[in-house]
PDB file of N, CA and C in Angstrom:
ATOM      1  N   UNK A   1      41.656  50.883  33.298  1.00  0.00           N
ATOM      2  CA  UNK A   1      40.635  49.860  33.177  1.00  0.00           C
ATOM      3  C   UNK A   1      40.727  48.940  34.406  1.00  0.00           C
ATOM      4  N   UNK A   2      39.609  48.756  35.080  1.00  0.00           N
ATOM      5  CA  UNK A   2      39.556  47.925  36.267  1.00  0.00           C
ATOM      6  C   UNK A   2      39.709  46.452  35.892  1.00  0.00           C
ATOM      7  N   UNK A   3      40.536  45.744  36.660  1.00  0.00           N
ATOM      8  CA  UNK A   3      40.696  44.312  36.421  1.00  0.00           C
ATOM      9  C   UNK A   3      39.416  43.590  36.837  1.00  0.00           C
ATOM     10  N   UNK A   4      38.975  42.658  36.017  1.00  0.00           N
ATOM     11  CA  UNK A   4      37.770  41.892  36.325  1.00  0.00           C
ATOM     12  C   UNK A   4      38.178  40.558  36.934  1.00  0.00           C
ATOM     13  N   UNK A   5      37.863  40.388  38.193  1.00  0.00           N
ATOM     14  CA  UNK A   5      38.104  39.119  38.887  1.00  0.00           C
ATOM     15  C   UNK A   5      36.762  38.424  39.082  1.00  0.00           C
ATOM     16  N   UNK A   6      36.824  37.178  39.502  1.00  0.00           N
ATOM     17  CA  UNK A   6      35.588  36.450  39.789  1.00  0.00           C
ATOM     18  C   UNK A   6      34.796  37.158  40.879  1.00  0.00           C
ATOM     19  N   UNK A   7      35.486  37.592  41.935  1.00  0.00           N
ATOM     20  CA  UNK A   7      34.800  38.284  43.031  1.00  0.00           C
ATOM     21  C   UNK A   7      34.148  39.577  42.562  1.00  0.00           C
ATOM     22  N   UNK A   8      34.850  40.333  41.732  1.00  0.00           N
ATOM     23  CA  UNK A   8      34.304  41.584  41.213  1.00  0.00           C
ATOM     24  C   UNK A   8      33.073  41.299  40.348  1.00  0.00           C
ATOM     25  N   UNK A   9      33.155  40.273  39.513  1.00  0.00           N
ATOM     26  CA  UNK A   9      32.014  39.883  38.683  1.00  0.00           C
ATOM     27  C   UNK A   9      30.818  39.559  39.568  1.00  0.00           C
ATOM     28  N   UNK A  10      31.029  38.750  40.605  1.00  0.00           N
ATOM     29  CA  UNK A  10      29.942  38.365  41.507  1.00  0.00           C
ATOM     30  C   UNK A  10      29.312  39.597  42.156  1.00  0.00           C
ATOM     31  N   UNK A  11      30.140  40.527  42.610  1.00  0.00           N
ATOM     32  CA  UNK A  11      29.624  41.741  43.247  1.00  0.00           C
ATOM     33  C   UNK A  11      28.790  42.575  42.281  1.00  0.00           C
ATOM     34  N   UNK A  12      29.305  42.761  41.074  1.00  0.00           N
ATOM     35  CA  UNK A  12      28.613  43.583  40.078  1.00  0.00           C
ATOM     36  C   UNK A  12      27.267  42.978  39.710  1.00  0.00           C
ATOM     37  N   UNK A  13      27.250  41.680  39.417  1.00  0.00           N
ATOM     38  CA  UNK A  13      26.015  41.027  38.989  1.00  0.00           C
ATOM     39  C   UNK A  13      25.018  40.939  40.145  1.00  0.00           C
ATOM     40  N   UNK A  14      25.487  40.585  41.328  1.00  0.00           N
ATOM     41  CA  UNK A  14      24.587  40.462  42.480  1.00  0.00           C
ATOM     42  C   UNK A  14      23.935  41.796  42.816  1.00  0.00           C
ATOM     43  N   UNK A  15      24.744  42.835  42.934  1.00  0.00           N
ATOM     44  CA  UNK A  15      24.169  44.136  43.303  1.00  0.00           C
ATOM     45  C   UNK A  15      23.397  44.755  42.139  1.00  0.00           C
ATOM     46  N   UNK A  16      23.910  44.633  40.929  1.00  0.00           N
ATOM     47  CA  UNK A  16      23.257  45.239  39.769  1.00  0.00           C
ATOM     48  C   UNK A  16      21.904  44.641  39.445  1.00  0.00           C
ATOM     49  N   UNK A  17      21.753  43.339  39.705  1.00  0.00           N
ATOM     50  CA  UNK A  17      20.482  42.670  39.432  1.00  0.00           C
ATOM     51  C   UNK A  17      19.648  42.466  40.693  1.00  0.00           C
ATOM     52  N   UNK A  18      20.212  42.799  41.834  1.00  0.00           N
ATOM     53  CA  UNK A  18      19.493  42.583  43.088  1.00  0.00           C
ATOM     54  C   UNK A  18      19.238  41.111  43.352  1.00  0.00           C
ATOM     55  N   UNK A  19      20.217  40.268  43.019  1.00  0.00           N
ATOM     56  CA  UNK A  19      20.038  38.818  43.176  1.00  0.00           C
ATOM     57  C   UNK A  19      20.001  38.424  44.641  1.00  0.00           C
ATOM     58  N   UNK A  20      19.136  37.495  44.949  1.00  0.00           N
ATOM     59  CA  UNK A  20      19.061  36.932  46.297  1.00  0.00           C
ATOM     60  C   UNK A  20      19.612  35.518  46.254  1.00  0.00           C
ATOM     61  N   UNK A  21      20.356  35.162  47.274  1.00  0.00           N
ATOM     62  CA  UNK A  21      20.901  33.804  47.424  1.00  0.00           C
ATOM     63  C   UNK A  21      21.601  33.329  46.160  1.00  0.00           C
ATOM     64  N   UNK A  22      22.394  34.187  45.553  1.00  0.00           N
ATOM     65  CA  UNK A  22      23.079  33.842  44.306  1.00  0.00           C
ATOM     66  C   UNK A  22      24.241  32.887  44.562  1.00  0.00           C
ATOM     67  N   UNK A  23      24.396  31.956  43.671  1.00  0.00           N
ATOM     68  CA  UNK A  23      25.522  31.029  43.676  1.00  0.00           C
ATOM     69  C   UNK A  23      26.214  31.153  42.323  1.00  0.00           C
ATOM     70  N   UNK A  24      27.511  31.175  42.375  1.00  0.00           N
ATOM     71  CA  UNK A  24      28.290  31.350  41.153  1.00  0.00           C
ATOM     72  C   UNK A  24      29.223  30.169  40.971  1.00  0.00           C
ATOM     73  N   UNK A  25      29.329  29.723  39.749  1.00  0.00           N
ATOM     74  CA  UNK A  25      30.320  28.721  39.372  1.00  0.00           C
ATOM     75  C   UNK A  25      31.050  29.332  38.177  1.00  0.00           C
ATOM     76  N   UNK A  26      32.165  29.973  38.472  1.00  0.00           N
ATOM     77  CA  UNK A  26      32.884  30.743  37.460  1.00  0.00           C
ATOM     78  C   UNK A  26      34.310  30.244  37.316  1.00  0.00           C
ATOM     79  N   UNK A  27      34.854  30.456  36.137  1.00  0.00           N
ATOM     80  CA  UNK A  27      36.266  30.157  35.912  1.00  0.00           C
ATOM     81  C   UNK A  27      36.807  31.103  34.858  1.00  0.00           C
ATOM     82  N   UNK A  28      38.097  31.280  34.884  1.00  0.00           N
ATOM     83  CA  UNK A  28      38.758  32.091  33.871  1.00  0.00           C
ATOM     84  C   UNK A  28      39.028  31.204  32.659  1.00  0.00           C
ATOM     85  N   UNK A  29      38.753  31.726  31.495  1.00  0.00           N
ATOM     86  CA  UNK A  29      39.030  31.031  30.251  1.00  0.00           C
ATOM     87  C   UNK A  29      39.750  32.049  29.369  1.00  0.00           C
ATOM     88  N   UNK A  30      41.064  31.949  29.358  1.00  0.00           N
ATOM     89  CA  UNK A  30      41.861  32.978  28.700  1.00  0.00           C
ATOM     90  C   UNK A  30      41.708  34.264  29.476  1.00  0.00           C
ATOM     91  N   UNK A  31      41.302  35.320  28.800  1.00  0.00           N
ATOM     92  CA  UNK A  31      41.084  36.612  29.457  1.00  0.00           C
ATOM     93  C   UNK A  31      39.638  36.828  29.870  1.00  0.00           C
ATOM     94  N   UNK A  32      38.808  35.827  29.691  1.00  0.00           N
ATOM     95  CA  UNK A  32      37.376  35.975  29.954  1.00  0.00           C
ATOM     96  C   UNK A  32      36.934  35.141  31.150  1.00  0.00           C
ATOM     97  N   UNK A  33      35.829  35.562  31.715  1.00  0.00           N
ATOM     98  CA  UNK A  33      35.184  34.790  32.772  1.00  0.00           C
ATOM     99  C   UNK A  33      33.986  34.088  32.157  1.00  0.00           C
ATOM    100  N   UNK A  34      33.846  32.793  32.434  1.00  0.00           N
ATOM    101  CA  UNK A  34      32.713  32.002  31.951  1.00  0.00           C
ATOM    102  C   UNK A  34      32.109  31.260  33.137  1.00  0.00           C
ATOM    103  N   UNK A  35      30.904  30.766  32.965  1.00  0.00           N
ATOM    104  CA  UNK A  35      30.325  29.952  34.027  1.00  0.00           C
ATOM    105  C   UNK A  35      28.819  30.077  34.150  1.00  0.00           C
ATOM    106  N   UNK A  36      28.341  29.890  35.404  1.00  0.00           N
ATOM    107  CA  UNK A  36      26.916  29.845  35.706  1.00  0.00           C
ATOM    108  C   UNK A  36      26.602  30.717  36.905  1.00  0.00           C
ATOM    109  N   UNK A  37      25.406  31.285  36.877  1.00  0.00           N
ATOM    110  CA  UNK A  37      24.872  32.032  38.009  1.00  0.00           C
ATOM    111  C   UNK A  37      23.523  31.392  38.332  1.00  0.00           C
ATOM    112  N   UNK A  38      23.328  31.054  39.601  1.00  0.00           N
ATOM    113  CA  UNK A  38      22.089  30.411  40.021  1.00  0.00           C
ATOM    114  C   UNK A  38      21.451  31.268  41.108  1.00  0.00           C
ATOM    115  N   UNK A  39      20.190  31.651  40.900  1.00  0.00           N
ATOM    116  CA  UNK A  39      19.489  32.469  41.892  1.00  0.00           C
ATOM    117  C   UNK A  39      17.985  32.316  41.720  1.00  0.00           C
ATOM    118  N   UNK A  40      17.252  32.286  42.833  1.00  0.00           N
ATOM    119  CA  UNK A  40      15.793  32.281  42.718  1.00  0.00           C
ATOM    120  C   UNK A  40      15.259  33.577  42.103  1.00  0.00           C
ATOM    121  N   UNK A  41      16.078  34.603  42.065  1.00  0.00           N
ATOM    122  CA  UNK A  41      15.663  35.879  41.461  1.00  0.00           C
ATOM    123  C   UNK A  41      15.404  35.757  39.964  1.00  0.00           C
ATOM    124  N   UNK A  42      15.877  34.684  39.327  1.00  0.00           N
ATOM    125  CA  UNK A  42      15.665  34.487  37.895  1.00  0.00           C
ATOM    126  C   UNK A  42      14.311  33.842  37.580  1.00  0.00           C
ATOM    127  N   UNK A  43      13.563  33.462  38.609  1.00  0.00           N
ATOM    128  CA  UNK A  43      12.246  32.848  38.363  1.00  0.00           C
ATOM    129  C   UNK A  43      11.356  33.816  37.585  1.00  0.00           C
ATOM    130  N   UNK A  44      10.629  33.258  36.634  1.00  0.00           N
ATOM    131  CA  UNK A  44       9.700  34.061  35.844  1.00  0.00           C
ATOM    132  C   UNK A  44      10.335  34.779  34.668  1.00  0.00           C
ATOM    133  N   UNK A  45      11.654  34.666  34.508  1.00  0.00           N
ATOM    134  CA  UNK A  45      12.339  35.290  33.375  1.00  0.00           C
ATOM    135  C   UNK A  45      12.717  34.213  32.364  1.00  0.00           C
ATOM    136  N   UNK A  46      12.639  34.556  31.101  1.00  0.00           N
ATOM    137  CA  UNK A  46      13.129  33.594  30.116  1.00  0.00           C
ATOM    138  C   UNK A  46      14.642  33.780  29.954  1.00  0.00           C
ATOM    139  N   UNK A  47      15.259  32.864  29.244  1.00  0.00           N
ATOM    140  CA  UNK A  47      16.716  32.872  29.089  1.00  0.00           C
ATOM    141  C   UNK A  47      17.230  34.186  28.511  1.00  0.00           C
ATOM    142  N   UNK A  48      16.540  34.695  27.505  1.00  0.00           N
ATOM    143  CA  UNK A  48      16.977  35.937  26.858  1.00  0.00           C
ATOM    144  C   UNK A  48      17.001  37.097  27.865  1.00  0.00           C
ATOM    145  N   UNK A  49      15.935  37.223  28.653  1.00  0.00           N
ATOM    146  CA  UNK A  49      15.869  38.316  29.632  1.00  0.00           C
ATOM    147  C   UNK A  49      16.986  38.212  30.661  1.00  0.00           C
ATOM    148  N   UNK A  50      17.283  37.007  31.106  1.00  0.00           N
ATOM    149  CA  UNK A  50      18.362  36.809  32.078  1.00  0.00           C
ATOM    150  C   UNK A  50      19.701  37.264  31.503  1.00  0.00           C
ATOM    151  N   UNK A  51      19.980  36.826  30.284  1.00  0.00           N
ATOM    152  CA  UNK A  51      21.246  37.171  29.639  1.00  0.00           C
ATOM    153  C   UNK A  51      21.323  38.670  29.383  1.00  0.00           C
ATOM    154  N   UNK A  52      20.242  39.246  28.892  1.00  0.00           N
ATOM    155  CA  UNK A  52      20.214  40.676  28.577  1.00  0.00           C
ATOM    156  C   UNK A  52      20.440  41.507  29.829  1.00  0.00           C
ATOM    157  N   UNK A  53      19.785  41.153  30.916  1.00  0.00           N
ATOM    158  CA  UNK A  53      19.939  41.917  32.157  1.00  0.00           C
ATOM    159  C   UNK A  53      21.369  41.834  32.683  1.00  0.00           C
ATOM    160  N   UNK A  54      21.970  40.623  32.624  1.00  0.00           N
ATOM    161  CA  UNK A  54      23.358  40.500  33.076  1.00  0.00           C
ATOM    162  C   UNK A  54      24.285  41.340  32.212  1.00  0.00           C
ATOM    163  N   UNK A  55      24.110  41.261  30.903  1.00  0.00           N
ATOM    164  CA  UNK A  55      24.966  42.022  29.994  1.00  0.00           C
ATOM    165  C   UNK A  55      24.784  43.528  30.188  1.00  0.00           C
ATOM    166  N   UNK A  56      23.556  43.972  30.403  1.00  0.00           N
ATOM    167  CA  UNK A  56      23.306  45.395  30.639  1.00  0.00           C
ATOM    168  C   UNK A  56      24.060  45.893  31.868  1.00  0.00           C
ATOM    169  N   UNK A  57      24.047  45.106  32.945  1.00  0.00           N
ATOM    170  CA  UNK A  57      24.738  45.485  34.178  1.00  0.00           C
ATOM    171  C   UNK A  57      26.251  45.543  33.938  1.00  0.00           C
ATOM    172  N   UNK A  58      26.766  44.558  33.235  1.00  0.00           N
ATOM    173  CA  UNK A  58      28.206  44.512  32.975  1.00  0.00           C
ATOM    174  C   UNK A  58      28.636  45.624  32.020  1.00  0.00           C
ATOM    175  N   UNK A  59      27.820  45.929  31.012  1.00  0.00           N
ATOM    176  CA  UNK A  59      28.143  47.030  30.098  1.00  0.00           C
ATOM    177  C   UNK A  59      28.088  48.375  30.818  1.00  0.00           C
ATOM    178  N   UNK A  60      27.178  48.515  31.778  1.00  0.00           N
ATOM    179  CA  UNK A  60      27.116  49.759  32.554  1.00  0.00           C
ATOM    180  C   UNK A  60      28.407  49.948  33.347  1.00  0.00           C
ATOM    181  N   UNK A  61      29.004  48.861  33.794  1.00  0.00           N
ATOM    182  CA  UNK A  61      30.240  48.924  34.583  1.00  0.00           C
ATOM    183  C   UNK A  61      31.478  49.074  33.707  1.00  0.00           C
ATOM    184  N   UNK A  62      31.522  48.311  32.600  1.00  0.00           N
ATOM    185  CA  UNK A  62      32.747  48.242  31.795  1.00  0.00           C
ATOM    186  C   UNK A  62      32.620  48.797  30.383  1.00  0.00           C
ATOM    187  N   UNK A  63      31.441  49.218  29.982  1.00  0.00           N
ATOM    188  CA  UNK A  63      31.249  49.706  28.625  1.00  0.00           C
ATOM    189  C   UNK A  63      31.408  48.571  27.620  1.00  0.00           C
ATOM    190  N   UNK A  64      31.864  48.929  26.432  1.00  0.00           N
ATOM    191  CA  UNK A  64      32.028  47.939  25.366  1.00  0.00           C
ATOM    192  C   UNK A  64      33.046  46.855  25.729  1.00  0.00           C
ATOM    193  N   UNK A  65      33.919  47.151  26.674  1.00  0.00           N
ATOM    194  CA  UNK A  65      34.924  46.173  27.116  1.00  0.00           C
ATOM    195  C   UNK A  65      34.292  44.934  27.736  1.00  0.00           C
ATOM    196  N   UNK A  66      33.040  45.050  28.173  1.00  0.00           N
ATOM    197  CA  UNK A  66      32.365  43.914  28.819  1.00  0.00           C
ATOM    198  C   UNK A  66      32.384  42.684  27.912  1.00  0.00           C
ATOM    199  N   UNK A  67      32.166  42.891  26.618  1.00  0.00           N
ATOM    200  CA  UNK A  67      32.128  41.760  25.691  1.00  0.00           C
ATOM    201  C   UNK A  67      33.495  41.104  25.531  1.00  0.00           C
ATOM    202  N   UNK A  68      34.550  41.835  25.798  1.00  0.00           N
ATOM    203  CA  UNK A  68      35.896  41.270  25.705  1.00  0.00           C
ATOM    204  C   UNK A  68      36.301  40.560  26.990  1.00  0.00           C
ATOM    205  N   UNK A  69      35.612  40.846  28.073  1.00  0.00           N
ATOM    206  CA  UNK A  69      35.981  40.297  29.375  1.00  0.00           C
ATOM    207  C   UNK A  69      35.087  39.146  29.834  1.00  0.00           C
ATOM    208  N   UNK A  70      33.892  39.063  29.258  1.00  0.00           N
ATOM    209  CA  UNK A  70      32.917  38.074  29.699  1.00  0.00           C
ATOM    210  C   UNK A  70      32.648  37.093  28.569  1.00  0.00           C
ATOM    211  N   UNK A  71      32.768  35.814  28.877  1.00  0.00           N
ATOM    212  CA  UNK A  71      32.405  34.773  27.927  1.00  0.00           C
ATOM    213  C   UNK A  71      30.975  34.349  28.183  1.00  0.00           C
ATOM    214  N   UNK A  72      30.685  33.085  27.979  1.00  0.00           N
ATOM    215  CA  UNK A  72      29.333  32.588  28.173  1.00  0.00           C
ATOM    216  C   UNK A  72      29.035  32.440  29.660  1.00  0.00           C
ATOM    217  N   UNK A  73      28.023  33.149  30.098  1.00  0.00           N
ATOM    218  CA  UNK A  73      27.528  33.050  31.468  1.00  0.00           C
ATOM    219  C   UNK A  73      26.061  32.666  31.366  1.00  0.00           C
ATOM    220  N   UNK A  74      25.707  31.523  31.916  1.00  0.00           N
ATOM    221  CA  UNK A  74      24.326  31.051  31.876  1.00  0.00           C
ATOM    222  C   UNK A  74      23.682  31.265  33.231  1.00  0.00           C
ATOM    223  N   UNK A  75      22.397  31.604  33.218  1.00  0.00           N
ATOM    224  CA  UNK A  75      21.667  31.901  34.443  1.00  0.00           C
ATOM    225  C   UNK A  75      20.565  30.868  34.652  1.00  0.00           C
ATOM    226  N   UNK A  76      20.454  30.379  35.884  1.00  0.00           N
ATOM    227  CA  UNK A  76      19.476  29.343  36.231  1.00  0.00           C
ATOM    228  C   UNK A  76      18.765  29.688  37.527  1.00  0.00           C
ATOM    229  N   UNK A  77      17.586  29.116  37.706  1.00  0.00           N
ATOM    230  CA  UNK A  77      16.950  29.108  39.019  1.00  0.00           C
ATOM    231  C   UNK A  77      17.466  27.871  39.754  1.00  0.00           C
ATOM    232  N   UNK A  78      17.301  27.800  41.069  1.00  0.00           N
ATOM    233  CA  UNK A  78      17.755  26.599  41.784  1.00  0.00           C
ATOM    234  C   UNK A  78      17.082  25.327  41.275  1.00  0.00           C
ATOM    235  N   UNK A  79      15.812  25.431  40.894  1.00  0.00           N
ATOM    236  CA  UNK A  79      15.099  24.251  40.391  1.00  0.00           C
ATOM    237  C   UNK A  79      15.700  23.764  39.072  1.00  0.00           C
ATOM    238  N   UNK A  80      16.042  24.696  38.207  1.00  0.00           N
ATOM    239  CA  UNK A  80      16.647  24.330  36.921  1.00  0.00           C
ATOM    240  C   UNK A  80      18.032  23.735  37.124  1.00  0.00           C
ATOM    241  N   UNK A  81      18.750  24.264  38.081  1.00  0.00           N
ATOM    242  CA  UNK A  81      20.103  23.790  38.355  1.00  0.00           C
ATOM    243  C   UNK A  81      20.064  22.466  39.097  1.00  0.00           C
ATOM    244  N   UNK A  82      18.928  22.205  39.732  1.00  0.00           N
ATOM    245  CA  UNK A  82      18.690  20.956  40.453  1.00  0.00           C
ATOM    246  C   UNK A  82      19.548  20.838  41.711  1.00  0.00           C
ATOM    247  N   UNK A  83      19.626  21.922  42.472  1.00  0.00           N
ATOM    248  CA  UNK A  83      20.297  21.861  43.763  1.00  0.00           C
ATOM    249  C   UNK A  83      19.495  20.959  44.688  1.00  0.00           C
ATOM    250  N   UNK A  84      20.158  20.367  45.645  1.00  0.00           N
ATOM    251  CA  UNK A  84      19.468  19.550  46.626  1.00  0.00           C
ATOM    252  C   UNK A  84      18.592  20.402  47.544  1.00  0.00           C
ATOM    253  N   UNK A  85      18.992  21.644  47.777  1.00  0.00           N
ATOM    254  CA  UNK A  85      18.267  22.503  48.700  1.00  0.00           C
ATOM    255  C   UNK A  85      17.265  23.369  47.951  1.00  0.00           C
ATOM    256  N   UNK A  86      16.194  22.785  47.458  1.00  0.00           N
ATOM    257  CA  UNK A  86      15.148  23.549  46.802  1.00  0.00           C
ATOM    258  C   UNK A  86      14.270  24.146  47.896  1.00  0.00           C
ATOM    259  N   UNK A  87      13.822  25.372  47.687  1.00  0.00           N
ATOM    260  CA  UNK A  87      13.002  26.040  48.692  1.00  0.00           C
ATOM    261  C   UNK A  87      11.738  25.241  48.991  1.00  0.00           C
ATOM    262  N   UNK A  88      11.329  25.201  50.257  1.00  0.00           N
ATOM    263  CA  UNK A  88      10.086  24.503  50.604  1.00  0.00           C
ATOM    264  C   UNK A  88       8.904  25.102  49.851  1.00  0.00           C
ATOM    265  N   UNK A  89       8.036  24.237  49.377  1.00  0.00           N
ATOM    266  CA  UNK A  89       6.844  24.686  48.673  1.00  0.00           C
ATOM    267  C   UNK A  89       7.041  24.962  47.200  1.00  0.00           C
ATOM    268  N   UNK A  90       8.270  24.840  46.708  1.00  0.00           N
ATOM    269  CA  UNK A  90       8.531  25.074  45.288  1.00  0.00           C
ATOM    270  C   UNK A  90       8.549  23.727  44.580  1.00  0.00           C
ATOM    271  N   UNK A  91       7.685  23.617  43.596  1.00  0.00           N
ATOM    272  CA  UNK A  91       7.613  22.354  42.856  1.00  0.00           C
ATOM    273  C   UNK A  91       8.725  22.291  41.822  1.00  0.00           C
ATOM    274  N   UNK A  92       9.447  21.200  41.826  1.00  0.00           N
ATOM    275  CA  UNK A  92      10.542  21.014  40.873  1.00  0.00           C
ATOM    276  C   UNK A  92       9.987  20.307  39.649  1.00  0.00           C
ATOM    277  N   UNK A  93      10.115  20.925  38.467  1.00  0.00           N
ATOM    278  CA  UNK A  93       9.603  20.282  37.269  1.00  0.00           C
ATOM    279  C   UNK A  93      10.399  19.023  36.947  1.00  0.00           C
ATOM    280  N   UNK A  94       9.736  18.009  36.386  1.00  0.00           N
ATOM    281  CA  UNK A  94      10.482  16.797  36.025  1.00  0.00           C
ATOM    282  C   UNK A  94      11.466  17.087  34.916  1.00  0.00           C
ATOM    283  N   UNK A  95      12.553  16.341  34.926  1.00  0.00           N
ATOM    284  CA  UNK A  95      13.563  16.514  33.879  1.00  0.00           C
ATOM    285  C   UNK A  95      13.014  15.977  32.567  1.00  0.00           C
ATOM    286  N   UNK A  96      13.258  16.714  31.520  1.00  0.00           N
ATOM    287  CA  UNK A  96      12.838  16.283  30.197  1.00  0.00           C
ATOM    288  C   UNK A  96      13.985  15.531  29.551  1.00  0.00           C
ATOM    289  N   UNK A  97      13.677  14.433  28.961  1.00  0.00           N
ATOM    290  CA  UNK A  97      14.702  13.642  28.281  1.00  0.00           C
ATOM    291  C   UNK A  97      14.382  13.604  26.790  1.00  0.00           C
ATOM    292  N   UNK A  98      15.410  13.807  26.015  1.00  0.00           N
ATOM    293  CA  UNK A  98      15.215  13.747  24.562  1.00  0.00           C
ATOM    294  C   UNK A  98      15.633  12.365  24.082  1.00  0.00           C
ATOM    295  N   UNK A  99      14.848  11.850  23.155  1.00  0.00           N
ATOM    296  CA  UNK A  99      15.201  10.578  22.557  1.00  0.00           C
ATOM    297  C   UNK A  99      16.185  10.822  21.438  1.00  0.00           C
ATOM    298  N   UNK A 100      17.211  10.017  21.392  1.00  0.00           N
ATOM    299  CA  UNK A 100      18.215  10.125  20.343  1.00  0.00           C
ATOM    300  C   UNK A 100      18.065   8.929  19.418  1.00  0.00           C
ATOM    301  N   UNK A 101      18.047   9.236  18.146  1.00  0.00           N
ATOM    302  CA  UNK A 101      18.024   8.147  17.179  1.00  0.00           C
ATOM    303  C   UNK A 101      16.753   7.851  16.598  1.00  0.00           C
TER     304      UNK A 101
END
Protein backbone atom coordinates (compact mmCIF):
# COMPACT_ATOMS: atom_id res chain seq x y z
CA UNK A 1 0.00 0.00 0.00
CA UNK A 2 1.45 3.35 -1.07
CA UNK A 3 1.97 5.87 1.71
CA UNK A 4 -0.23 8.94 1.29
CA UNK A 5 1.66 12.17 1.89
CA UNK A 6 0.46 15.71 1.39
CA UNK A 7 2.56 15.98 -1.78
CA UNK A 8 1.17 12.72 -3.15
CA UNK A 9 -2.39 13.88 -2.40
CA UNK A 10 -1.75 17.17 -4.22
CA UNK A 11 -0.34 15.35 -7.26
CA UNK A 12 -3.21 12.87 -7.45
CA UNK A 13 -5.96 15.48 -7.10
CA UNK A 14 -4.31 18.04 -9.39
CA UNK A 15 -3.63 15.62 -12.22
CA UNK A 16 -6.78 13.53 -11.73
CA UNK A 17 -9.08 16.55 -11.85
CA UNK A 18 -6.98 18.63 -14.22
CA UNK A 19 -6.90 21.48 -11.71
CA UNK A 20 -5.36 24.77 -12.75
CA UNK A 21 -3.60 27.05 -10.28
CA UNK A 22 -4.53 24.77 -7.37
CA UNK A 23 -3.67 25.79 -3.83
CA UNK A 24 -3.74 23.32 -1.00
CA UNK A 25 -4.00 23.84 2.72
CA UNK A 26 -3.58 20.35 4.12
CA UNK A 27 -2.60 18.79 7.41
CA UNK A 28 -2.33 15.34 8.88
CA UNK A 29 -4.98 14.49 11.44
CA UNK A 30 -4.12 11.11 12.89
CA UNK A 31 -3.72 8.83 9.88
CA UNK A 32 -5.83 11.04 7.62
CA UNK A 33 -5.24 14.11 5.52
CA UNK A 34 -7.73 16.97 5.96
CA UNK A 35 -7.91 20.48 4.61
CA UNK A 36 -8.87 22.67 1.65
CA UNK A 37 -8.27 22.74 -2.08
CA UNK A 38 -8.72 26.04 -3.91
CA UNK A 39 -8.81 26.24 -7.71
CA UNK A 40 -10.61 28.22 -10.39
CA UNK A 41 -11.31 24.83 -11.97
CA UNK A 42 -14.13 24.37 -9.41
CA UNK A 43 -16.15 27.25 -10.89
CA UNK A 44 -19.60 26.18 -12.02
CA UNK A 45 -19.62 23.05 -9.83
CA UNK A 46 -21.72 22.66 -6.74
CA UNK A 47 -20.22 21.36 -3.49
CA UNK A 48 -21.45 17.81 -4.04
CA UNK A 49 -19.87 17.56 -7.50
CA UNK A 50 -16.54 18.86 -6.20
CA UNK A 51 -16.46 16.35 -3.36
CA UNK A 52 -17.61 13.47 -5.56
CA UNK A 53 -14.98 14.16 -8.22
CA UNK A 54 -12.19 14.35 -5.62
CA UNK A 55 -13.32 11.12 -3.97
CA UNK A 56 -13.61 9.35 -7.34
CA UNK A 57 -10.00 10.28 -8.19
CA UNK A 58 -8.74 9.15 -4.80
CA UNK A 59 -10.72 5.88 -4.91
CA UNK A 60 -9.29 5.18 -8.37
CA UNK A 61 -5.80 5.50 -6.85
CA UNK A 62 -6.33 3.82 -3.47
CA UNK A 63 -9.56 1.84 -3.76
CA UNK A 64 -11.67 1.51 -0.63
CA UNK A 65 -8.62 2.56 1.43
CA UNK A 66 -9.22 6.14 0.27
CA UNK A 67 -11.92 6.59 2.91
CA UNK A 68 -9.50 5.49 5.62
CA UNK A 69 -6.77 7.86 4.46
CA UNK A 70 -8.73 11.01 3.63
CA UNK A 71 -10.70 13.08 6.10
CA UNK A 72 -12.72 16.17 5.27
CA UNK A 73 -11.37 17.97 2.23
CA UNK A 74 -13.33 21.03 1.13
CA UNK A 75 -13.05 22.54 -2.33
CA UNK A 76 -13.37 26.26 -3.12
CA UNK A 77 -12.94 28.68 -5.97
CA UNK A 78 -10.56 31.60 -5.33
CA UNK A 79 -13.56 33.93 -4.99
CA UNK A 80 -15.15 31.72 -2.34
CA UNK A 81 -11.87 31.41 -0.49
CA UNK A 82 -11.47 35.18 -0.76
CA UNK A 83 -7.85 35.28 -1.87
CA UNK A 84 -6.45 38.73 -2.44
CA UNK A 85 -5.40 37.75 -5.97
CA UNK A 86 -8.76 37.31 -7.67
CA UNK A 87 -8.51 36.99 -11.44
CA UNK A 88 -9.11 40.23 -13.36
CA UNK A 89 -12.66 40.52 -14.62
CA UNK A 90 -14.07 38.04 -12.10
CA UNK A 91 -16.75 39.52 -9.91
CA UNK A 92 -16.46 38.56 -6.27
CA UNK A 93 -19.85 37.93 -4.69
CA UNK A 94 -20.54 39.83 -1.47
CA UNK A 95 -20.17 37.89 1.74
CA UNK A 96 -23.44 36.73 3.20
CA UNK A 97 -23.91 37.27 6.89
CA UNK A 98 -26.37 35.34 8.97
CA UNK A 99 -28.18 37.01 11.80
CA UNK A 100 -27.92 35.20 15.09
CA UNK A 101 -30.61 35.47 17.67
